[in-house]
Amino acid sequence: MLLLFIPIGITVDLAEKVGKMLENKAPFGDVTAYYLDFTVYFANLLFPLFLFLSVIWFTSKLANNTEIVAFLSSGVSFSRFLRPYLIGSSIVAVFALFLGMYLAPIASQGFNEFRFKYLKKNKQVQKTRDVYQQINDNDYIFVSNFSTSTQVGRNFTYEHFEGNELKYKIFASSIRYVEEDSSYQLTKYLKRSFENGIETVEKENKKNLNLPFELEDLTPVSYAAETKPYSELLRFIEAEKKRGSPNIGRYEVVKQKKWSLPVSIFILTIIAVAVSSVKRRGGMGVNLAFGIAIAMIYVFFDKIFGVMAEQSNFPAVIAVWFPNFIFGILAIYLLQNAKR
């Protein structure tokens, strides 16, 4: 199923975007790499649904040839008939877990970088205005405007606290990242320090400082969580929570989906077997139509609750696992009917 549909997806995507690729002079090597990443990226997203349709197609063939009736009439229980499907699902789920944890983040990095470089040139991939971040337990930074092309920020403020007490505060009209020594050059530097109720002021026209944050900490890209392997993702989310990032919901959704996707493979496999194991008057077409309808409802629930978690305080764990919970109940119900 994947081998059939991915080339179709690539053809449709290329037909839609070839104009922008030519307009923005995307190199052939970059386009080739983009479609390799495209294949892995969408295979990871659609894996359970393609497996679902594959199981429906295969099992419907067995049912139409009355082979399932022969199995069950010879004394084979429905649970024994289901066992090879579950073994196959386990193998696929392990592969999907590995894909989501390690390969998909690499593909997502290349896929998104190409999109924002050549296809969405005017789209904002990073927050660049009024950036306020807590970078650790004691330090806060603010930049009114940050240019990702020149790596220069305007109206920079750095605050250092110990407990609830402000120890010093740094102001600068601009901050520029210096790649050679990974430092930051501050223009019109002003530092106000507070010690035992006494304030001291330090001024310099230009000053280079090593500050405890990376450039990506200042303005993380919107798809940052998708590009990180699982262990890095956990550290990234913890760091973003300490900084008070407004995108925690989006990051939590990415984390939870890495586990929910393999589980959905088992649920959709059981639904597919239960739906298609009965011989119907309309044949395979009826089973496929019913299966596609279920798949569309599943995707609808998944998208709706995912957006709710990303855009509000709705818990990500509920948003991601709720479709699996609902369809898990549906799988049990359909399985009991299929056994009868």
Protein backbone atom coordinates (compact mmCIF):
# COMPACT_ATOMS: atom_id res chain seq x y z
CA MET A 1 0.00 0.00 0.00
CA LEU A 2 2.79 2.40 0.91
CA LEU A 3 4.72 1.62 -2.26
CA LEU A 4 1.57 2.29 -4.29
CA PHE A 5 0.50 5.53 -2.62
CA ILE A 6 3.80 7.29 -1.84
CA PRO A 7 4.74 7.73 -5.55
CA ILE A 8 1.24 9.13 -6.15
CA GLY A 9 1.73 11.54 -3.24
CA ILE A 10 5.14 12.61 -4.60
CA THR A 11 3.68 13.17 -8.08
CA VAL A 12 0.80 15.30 -6.75
CA ASP A 13 3.11 17.29 -4.45
CA LEU A 14 5.63 17.89 -7.25
CA ALA A 15 2.91 19.00 -9.68
CA GLU A 16 1.63 21.48 -7.08
CA LYS A 17 5.01 22.90 -6.01
CA VAL A 18 7.27 22.64 -9.06
CA GLY A 19 6.52 26.29 -9.94
CA LYS A 20 7.79 27.56 -6.58
CA MET A 21 10.81 25.26 -6.75
CA LEU A 22 11.79 26.70 -10.15
CA GLU A 23 11.01 30.26 -9.06
CA ASN A 24 13.22 29.95 -5.97
CA LYS A 25 15.93 27.99 -7.88
CA ALA A 26 15.91 24.93 -5.64
CA PRO A 27 18.93 22.71 -6.55
CA PHE A 28 18.12 19.25 -7.93
CA GLY A 29 20.03 17.59 -5.07
CA ASP A 30 17.96 19.45 -2.48
CA VAL A 31 14.72 18.49 -4.27
CA THR A 32 15.78 14.81 -4.32
CA ALA A 33 16.66 14.91 -0.61
CA TYR A 34 13.33 16.65 0.10
CA TYR A 35 11.34 13.84 -1.52
CA LEU A 36 13.33 11.18 0.35
CA ASP A 37 12.45 13.01 3.57
CA PHE A 38 8.88 13.44 2.27
CA THR A 39 8.60 9.64 1.87
CA VAL A 40 9.74 8.90 5.44
CA TYR A 41 7.77 11.82 6.92
CA PHE A 42 4.42 10.81 5.43
CA ALA A 43 5.04 7.08 5.75
CA ASN A 44 5.39 7.66 9.49
CA LEU A 45 2.15 9.69 9.63
CA LEU A 46 0.08 7.32 7.49
CA PHE A 47 1.55 3.97 8.54
CA PRO A 48 -1.41 2.82 10.71
CA LEU A 49 -4.01 3.87 8.11
CA PHE A 50 -2.26 2.07 5.25
CA LEU A 51 -1.92 -1.03 7.44
CA PHE A 52 -5.64 -0.73 8.24
CA LEU A 53 -6.61 -0.64 4.56
CA SER A 54 -4.18 -3.46 3.73
CA VAL A 55 -5.68 -5.74 6.37
CA ILE A 56 -9.21 -4.96 5.11
CA TRP A 57 -8.20 -5.73 1.52
CA PHE A 58 -6.42 -8.99 2.42
CA THR A 59 -9.08 -10.27 4.84
CA SER A 60 -11.91 -9.37 2.45
CA LYS A 61 -10.20 -11.53 -0.21
CA LEU A 62 -10.19 -14.44 2.25
CA ALA A 63 -13.84 -13.84 3.17
CA ASN A 64 -14.98 -13.60 -0.46
CA ASN A 65 -13.29 -16.91 -1.21
CA THR A 66 -15.10 -18.42 1.85
CA GLU A 67 -11.72 -19.39 3.31
CA ILE A 68 -12.55 -17.85 6.71
CA VAL A 69 -15.69 -20.01 6.90
CA ALA A 70 -13.49 -23.04 6.21
CA PHE A 71 -11.07 -22.05 8.99
CA LEU A 72 -13.76 -21.59 11.59
CA SER A 73 -15.76 -24.70 10.47
CA SER A 74 -12.69 -26.89 10.94
CA GLY A 75 -12.59 -26.01 14.65
CA VAL A 76 -10.15 -23.08 14.56
CA SER A 77 -11.23 -20.43 17.08
CA PHE A 78 -11.53 -16.80 16.04
CA SER A 79 -8.77 -15.93 18.54
CA ARG A 80 -6.44 -18.41 16.80
CA PHE A 81 -7.45 -16.96 13.42
CA LEU A 82 -6.58 -13.47 14.76
CA ARG A 83 -3.15 -14.50 16.10
CA PRO A 84 -1.12 -14.08 12.84
CA TYR A 85 -2.59 -10.58 12.46
CA LEU A 86 -1.44 -9.64 15.95
CA ILE A 87 2.04 -11.10 15.33
CA GLY A 88 2.27 -9.09 12.10
CA SER A 89 1.00 -5.98 13.90
CA SER A 90 3.65 -6.42 16.60
CA ILE A 91 6.42 -6.50 13.98
CA VAL A 92 4.99 -3.43 12.24
CA ALA A 93 4.47 -1.61 15.58
CA VAL A 94 8.13 -2.13 16.58
CA PHE A 95 9.22 -0.78 13.19
CA ALA A 96 6.80 2.18 13.54
CA LEU A 97 8.15 2.90 17.04
CA PHE A 98 11.75 2.91 15.76
CA LEU A 99 10.71 5.04 12.79
CA GLY A 100 8.97 7.60 15.01
CA MET A 101 11.72 7.74 17.62
CA TYR A 102 14.77 8.05 15.35
CA LEU A 103 14.22 8.15 11.57
CA ALA A 104 11.17 10.43 11.36
CA PRO A 105 12.87 13.31 13.30
CA ILE A 106 15.77 13.29 10.82
CA ALA A 107 13.33 13.31 7.89
CA SER A 108 11.24 16.04 9.53
CA GLN A 109 14.30 18.27 9.84
CA GLY A 110 15.11 18.08 6.13
CA PHE A 111 11.45 18.20 5.08
CA ASN A 112 10.67 21.36 7.06
CA GLU A 113 13.94 23.13 6.25
CA PHE A 114 13.30 22.70 2.51
CA ARG A 115 9.69 23.91 2.85
CA PHE A 116 10.60 27.11 4.68
CA LYS A 117 13.67 27.75 2.50
CA TYR A 118 12.13 27.25 -0.95
CA LEU A 119 8.34 26.85 -0.63
CA LYS A 120 7.34 29.20 2.18
CA LYS A 121 9.92 31.94 1.90
CA ASN A 122 7.71 34.64 3.41
CA LYS A 123 6.32 32.45 6.18
CA GLN A 124 7.60 33.01 9.71
CA VAL A 125 9.21 29.84 11.03
CA GLN A 126 10.42 31.44 14.27
CA LYS A 127 8.96 33.93 16.70
CA THR A 128 11.02 37.07 16.08
CA ARG A 129 9.06 39.83 17.85
CA ASP A 130 8.70 40.40 21.58
CA VAL A 131 10.65 37.26 22.47
CA TYR A 132 10.58 36.64 26.21
CA GLN A 133 12.22 33.48 27.54
CA GLN A 134 13.12 31.99 30.90
CA ILE A 135 16.36 30.20 30.01
CA ASN A 136 16.93 28.51 33.38
CA ASP A 137 15.79 28.79 37.00
CA ASN A 138 17.50 32.16 37.52
CA ASP A 139 17.84 33.90 34.15
CA TYR A 140 15.37 35.67 31.84
CA ILE A 141 15.92 37.32 28.46
CA PHE A 142 13.89 39.67 26.28
CA VAL A 143 14.37 40.86 22.69
CA SER A 144 11.89 43.19 20.99
CA ASN A 145 12.94 42.12 17.49
CA PHE A 146 15.28 39.39 16.21
CA SER A 147 16.53 38.94 12.63
CA THR A 148 17.28 35.28 11.81
CA SER A 149 19.22 36.23 8.66
CA THR A 150 21.67 38.65 10.34
CA GLN A 151 21.39 37.00 13.79
CA VAL A 152 20.93 40.40 15.41
CA GLY A 153 18.40 41.25 18.12
CA ARG A 154 17.15 44.71 19.11
CA ASN A 155 16.44 46.07 22.61
CA PHE A 156 17.95 43.17 24.52
CA THR A 157 17.41 42.68 28.27
CA TYR A 158 18.98 40.03 30.51
CA GLU A 159 17.89 39.55 34.14
CA HIS A 160 19.57 37.37 36.77
CA PHE A 161 17.71 36.43 39.95
CA GLU A 162 18.76 34.54 43.07
CA GLY A 163 15.57 33.39 44.70
CA ASN A 164 13.19 36.32 44.37
CA GLU A 165 15.94 38.92 44.46
CA LEU A 166 17.18 40.63 41.29
CA LYS A 167 21.00 40.57 41.36
CA TYR A 168 21.78 42.30 38.08
CA LYS A 169 20.15 43.44 34.88
CA ILE A 170 21.83 43.96 31.49
CA PHE A 171 20.50 46.27 28.76
CA ALA A 172 21.74 46.59 25.17
CA SER A 173 20.39 48.34 22.09
CA SER A 174 21.41 45.29 20.04
CA ILE A 175 22.78 41.77 20.50
CA ARG A 176 24.64 39.89 17.77
CA TYR A 177 25.75 36.26 17.78
CA VAL A 178 29.49 35.86 17.09
CA GLU A 179 30.00 32.46 15.48
CA GLU A 180 33.81 32.37 15.84
CA ASP A 181 33.80 32.03 19.63
CA SER A 182 30.06 31.39 20.27
CA SER A 183 29.76 34.63 22.22
CA TYR A 184 27.35 37.57 21.99
CA GLN A 185 28.35 41.13 21.12
CA LEU A 186 26.28 43.74 22.93
CA THR A 187 26.05 47.33 21.64
CA LYS A 188 25.46 50.23 24.08
CA TYR A 189 25.94 47.84 26.96
CA LEU A 190 24.56 48.83 30.39
CA LYS A 191 24.68 46.63 33.49
CA ARG A 192 22.95 47.49 36.77
CA SER A 193 24.04 45.34 39.74
CA PHE A 194 22.37 45.24 43.17
CA GLU A 195 24.26 44.11 46.28
CA ASN A 196 23.18 44.80 49.87
CA GLY A 197 20.93 47.63 48.74
CA ILE A 198 23.73 49.31 46.78
CA GLU A 199 23.41 49.76 43.01
CA THR A 200 26.43 49.85 40.71
CA VAL A 201 26.28 50.76 37.03
CA GLU A 202 28.65 49.59 34.30
CA LYS A 203 28.58 51.07 30.78
CA GLU A 204 30.44 50.22 27.58
CA ASN A 205 29.84 51.03 23.92
CA LYS A 206 30.52 47.39 22.91
CA LYS A 207 31.06 44.30 25.00
CA ASN A 208 31.40 40.58 24.23
CA LEU A 209 29.85 38.16 26.71
CA ASN A 210 29.41 34.41 26.98
CA LEU A 211 25.77 34.09 27.99
CA PRO A 212 24.17 30.81 29.20
CA PHE A 213 21.86 30.21 26.23
CA GLU A 214 22.09 29.04 22.65
CA LEU A 215 20.86 31.01 19.65
CA GLU A 216 18.03 28.50 19.09
CA ASP A 217 16.96 29.07 22.71
CA LEU A 218 16.29 32.68 21.83
CA THR A 219 13.90 31.87 18.97
CA PRO A 220 13.19 28.12 18.65
CA VAL A 221 11.65 27.11 15.31
CA SER A 222 7.97 26.14 15.33
CA TYR A 223 8.75 22.53 14.30
CA ALA A 224 11.67 22.09 16.74
CA ALA A 225 10.09 19.17 18.64
CA GLU A 226 9.47 17.14 15.46
CA THR A 227 13.18 17.13 14.60
CA LYS A 228 14.50 15.67 17.85
CA PRO A 229 15.01 11.98 18.74
CA TYR A 230 13.04 10.90 21.79
CA SER A 231 15.75 11.37 24.43
CA GLU A 232 16.59 14.85 23.11
CA LEU A 233 12.87 15.67 22.91
CA LEU A 234 12.39 14.93 26.63
CA ARG A 235 15.28 17.25 27.55
CA PHE A 236 13.99 19.90 25.14
CA ILE A 237 10.48 19.84 26.65
CA GLU A 238 11.83 20.10 30.21
CA ALA A 239 13.99 23.08 29.20
CA GLU A 240 11.06 24.76 27.44
CA LYS A 241 8.84 24.27 30.51
CA LYS A 242 11.40 26.09 32.64
CA ARG A 243 11.50 28.91 30.09
CA GLY A 244 7.73 29.25 30.15
CA SER A 245 7.41 28.52 26.42
CA PRO A 246 3.88 29.01 24.99
CA ASN A 247 4.41 25.99 22.67
CA ILE A 248 4.50 23.27 25.36
CA GLY A 249 1.17 21.84 24.16
CA ARG A 250 2.56 21.35 20.64
CA TYR A 251 5.72 19.70 21.97
CA GLU A 252 3.76 17.38 24.28
CA VAL A 253 1.55 16.28 21.37
CA VAL A 254 4.66 15.29 19.40
CA LYS A 255 5.98 13.29 22.39
CA GLN A 256 2.72 11.45 23.05
CA LYS A 257 2.21 10.57 19.37
CA LYS A 258 5.48 8.64 19.33
CA TRP A 259 3.83 6.13 21.70
CA SER A 260 0.21 6.34 20.54
CA LEU A 261 1.01 5.57 16.89
CA PRO A 262 2.26 1.97 17.52
CA VAL A 263 -0.74 1.30 19.82
CA SER A 264 -3.14 2.52 17.11
CA ILE A 265 -1.70 -0.14 14.79
CA PHE A 266 -3.09 -2.93 17.02
CA ILE A 267 -6.46 -1.19 17.42
CA LEU A 268 -6.93 -0.54 13.70
CA THR A 269 -5.80 -4.08 12.82
CA ILE A 270 -8.44 -5.62 15.11
CA ILE A 271 -11.13 -3.31 13.69
CA ALA A 272 -10.07 -4.18 10.12
CA VAL A 273 -10.20 -7.95 10.77
CA ALA A 274 -13.56 -7.72 12.55
CA VAL A 275 -15.10 -5.61 9.76
CA SER A 276 -13.80 -7.59 6.80
CA SER A 277 -13.92 -11.19 8.07
CA VAL A 278 -17.62 -11.50 7.21
CA LYS A 279 -18.60 -12.20 3.61
CA ARG A 280 -20.91 -9.41 2.42
CA ARG A 281 -23.20 -9.12 -0.57
CA GLY A 282 -21.30 -6.07 -1.88
CA GLY A 283 -17.97 -7.90 -1.63
CA MET A 284 -14.66 -6.18 -1.00
CA GLY A 285 -15.97 -2.77 -2.10
CA VAL A 286 -18.37 -2.51 0.86
CA ASN A 287 -15.61 -3.47 3.31
CA LEU A 288 -13.18 -0.96 1.83
CA ALA A 289 -15.83 1.80 1.85
CA PHE A 290 -16.62 1.07 5.50
CA GLY A 291 -12.91 0.95 6.32
CA ILE A 292 -12.18 4.27 4.59
CA ALA A 293 -15.09 5.88 6.49
CA ILE A 294 -13.65 4.64 9.81
CA ALA A 295 -10.18 5.87 8.80
CA MET A 296 -11.54 9.34 7.98
CA ILE A 297 -13.34 9.54 11.34
CA TYR A 298 -10.12 8.46 13.12
CA VAL A 299 -8.07 11.13 11.32
CA PHE A 300 -10.77 13.73 12.11
CA PHE A 301 -10.67 12.94 15.84
CA ASP A 302 -6.87 12.86 15.81
CA LYS A 303 -6.58 16.28 14.13
CA ILE A 304 -9.31 18.00 16.16
CA PHE A 305 -7.93 16.94 19.54
CA GLY A 306 -4.33 17.56 18.42
CA VAL A 307 -5.14 21.17 17.48
CA MET A 308 -7.02 21.64 20.78
CA ALA A 309 -3.91 20.60 22.73
CA GLU A 310 -1.61 22.79 20.62
CA GLN A 311 -3.74 25.93 20.80
CA SER A 312 -5.09 25.73 24.37
CA ASN A 313 -4.44 24.28 27.82
CA PHE A 314 -6.22 21.03 26.92
CA PRO A 315 -4.00 18.14 28.23
CA ALA A 316 -1.91 16.65 25.40
CA VAL A 317 -2.06 13.14 26.87
CA ILE A 318 -5.89 13.16 26.66
CA ALA A 319 -5.90 14.77 23.20
CA VAL A 320 -3.54 12.19 21.72
CA TRP A 321 -4.88 9.07 23.45
CA PHE A 322 -8.62 9.85 23.29
CA PRO A 323 -9.04 8.63 19.64
CA ASN A 324 -7.24 5.39 20.56
CA PHE A 325 -9.51 4.99 23.60
CA ILE A 326 -12.71 5.48 21.57
CA PHE A 327 -11.57 3.24 18.73
CA GLY A 328 -10.26 0.68 21.23
CA ILE A 329 -13.80 0.34 22.61
CA LEU A 330 -15.08 0.09 19.02
CA ALA A 331 -12.49 -2.64 18.30
CA ILE A 332 -13.63 -4.71 21.31
CA TYR A 333 -17.30 -4.35 20.30
CA LEU A 334 -16.67 -5.32 16.67
CA LEU A 335 -14.46 -8.23 17.72
CA GLN A 336 -17.14 -9.66 20.01
CA ASN A 337 -19.69 -9.45 17.16
CA ALA A 338 -17.25 -11.03 14.71
CA LYS A 339 -16.69 -13.98 17.10
CA ARG A 340 -20.43 -14.58 17.23
